[in-house]
Structures are given as structure tokens and as C-alpha cells.
Amino acid sequence: MSKNSNIKLKKIIADLAIFLDFTSEKQLASDISVEMMEHMAAELQLLGAEYRKDIVRGFLVISSEYTEDKSKFVKELPDSLGLI
């Protein structure tokens, strides 16, 4: 996978997590949001240690592309998803 594709994949994961966390309960039921975040975390935790480390680094790199609250959220994703 190319480096550019790798970064895009991390951005897709971050964007999905932002959508699930920041969408109001009127638009998305909170139990569905939590269930999807837990599923995503479980799948990512199954990756090998090097892949998890790469994802953690990638989230730190792409976090600067977001506004303040979402940037902080992306920086904290590795911990929230159980990757570190």
C-alpha cells in the first residue's frame, strides 16, 4: 500500500470515529454509535503491533487537519480505541 493510501485509510478511520462521536442523538442513536466504535476498536486491536503503532503515529500526523475539538479527539483516538 502506498504511503498516500495509508494516510487516507487512517483519515477514513478518524472521520468515521468523529462522525460516530460528534453526531447528535437526534441523527444517530447513541447505542448504535457506541456499538460501532467498540466494533472498530476490536478490529483494530487485532492488528499486529507494528500496524497499531503505525496507526497511532498516523492519527497524530493527521490530527492537525481538523479543528480544535476534533483535532484533540483524533490525537486521543489511539487510547480510546485501545491501540496503546
Protein backbone atom coordinates (compact mmCIF):
# COMPACT_ATOMS: atom_id res chain seq x y z
CA MET A 1 0.00 0.00 0.00
CA SER A 2 1.36 3.40 -0.89
CA LYS A 3 2.11 5.94 1.83
CA ASN A 4 -0.62 8.23 0.49
CA SER A 5 -3.19 5.40 0.59
CA ASN A 6 -2.07 4.51 4.09
CA ILE A 7 -2.67 8.08 5.32
CA LYS A 8 -6.05 8.20 3.55
CA LEU A 9 -7.08 4.98 5.31
CA LYS A 10 -6.21 6.50 8.70
CA LYS A 11 -8.19 9.61 7.79
CA ILE A 12 -11.20 7.45 6.89
CA ILE A 13 -11.00 5.75 10.30
CA ALA A 14 -10.68 9.12 12.06
CA ASP A 15 -13.57 10.62 10.06
CA LEU A 16 -15.81 7.67 10.91
CA ALA A 17 -14.91 7.95 14.60
CA ILE A 18 -15.63 11.71 14.51
CA PHE A 19 -18.97 11.06 12.84
CA LEU A 20 -19.92 8.47 15.45
CA ASP A 21 -18.84 10.62 18.39
CA PHE A 22 -19.94 14.08 17.26
CA THR A 23 -23.30 13.27 15.62
CA SER A 24 -26.27 14.24 17.76
CA GLU A 25 -28.59 11.61 19.24
CA LYS A 26 -31.39 13.02 17.08
CA GLN A 27 -29.45 11.96 14.00
CA LEU A 28 -27.84 8.76 15.29
CA ALA A 29 -28.83 6.65 18.28
CA SER A 30 -26.06 6.71 20.87
CA ASP A 31 -26.18 2.93 21.43
CA ILE A 32 -25.53 2.36 17.71
CA SER A 33 -22.66 4.84 17.80
CA VAL A 34 -21.08 3.16 20.83
CA GLU A 35 -21.54 -0.30 19.34
CA MET A 36 -19.82 0.72 16.09
CA MET A 37 -16.92 2.40 17.95
CA GLU A 38 -16.46 -0.76 20.03
CA HIS A 39 -16.53 -2.93 16.91
CA MET A 40 -14.00 -0.69 15.15
CA ALA A 41 -11.75 -0.74 18.24
CA ALA A 42 -11.93 -4.53 18.48
CA GLU A 43 -10.99 -4.99 14.83
CA LEU A 44 -8.09 -2.52 15.05
CA GLN A 45 -6.81 -4.19 18.21
CA LEU A 46 -6.46 -7.45 16.24
CA LEU A 47 -3.80 -5.86 14.02
CA GLY A 48 -0.16 -6.64 14.67
CA ALA A 49 1.86 -4.37 16.95
CA GLU A 50 3.68 -2.63 14.09
CA TYR A 51 0.42 -1.82 12.30
CA ARG A 52 -1.09 -0.48 15.52
CA LYS A 53 1.99 1.72 16.09
CA ASP A 54 1.71 2.99 12.53
CA ILE A 55 -1.95 3.88 13.04
CA VAL A 56 -1.11 5.69 16.28
CA ARG A 57 1.56 7.75 14.50
CA GLY A 58 -0.80 8.42 11.63
CA PHE A 59 -3.52 9.78 13.89
CA LEU A 60 -1.02 12.21 15.38
CA VAL A 61 0.02 13.34 11.90
CA ILE A 62 -3.50 13.86 10.55
CA SER A 63 -4.88 15.46 13.72
CA SER A 64 -3.57 18.84 12.53
CA GLU A 65 -6.04 18.69 9.62
CA TYR A 66 -9.00 19.07 11.98
CA THR A 67 -10.45 21.92 14.05
CA GLU A 68 -9.50 22.20 17.72
CA ASP A 69 -12.03 19.85 19.33
CA LYS A 70 -11.82 17.28 16.55
CA SER A 71 -8.02 17.54 16.46
CA LYS A 72 -7.87 16.71 20.15
CA PHE A 73 -10.31 13.83 19.60
CA VAL A 74 -8.13 12.37 16.81
CA LYS A 75 -4.99 12.68 18.96
CA GLU A 76 -6.79 10.74 21.70
CA LEU A 77 -8.16 8.06 19.35
CA PRO A 78 -5.29 5.60 19.90
CA ASP A 79 -6.08 5.49 23.61
CA SER A 80 -9.86 5.49 23.06
CA LEU A 81 -9.58 2.60 20.61
CA GLY A 82 -7.25 0.62 22.86
CA LEU A 83 -4.30 0.81 20.47
CA ILE A 84 -1.77 1.88 23.11
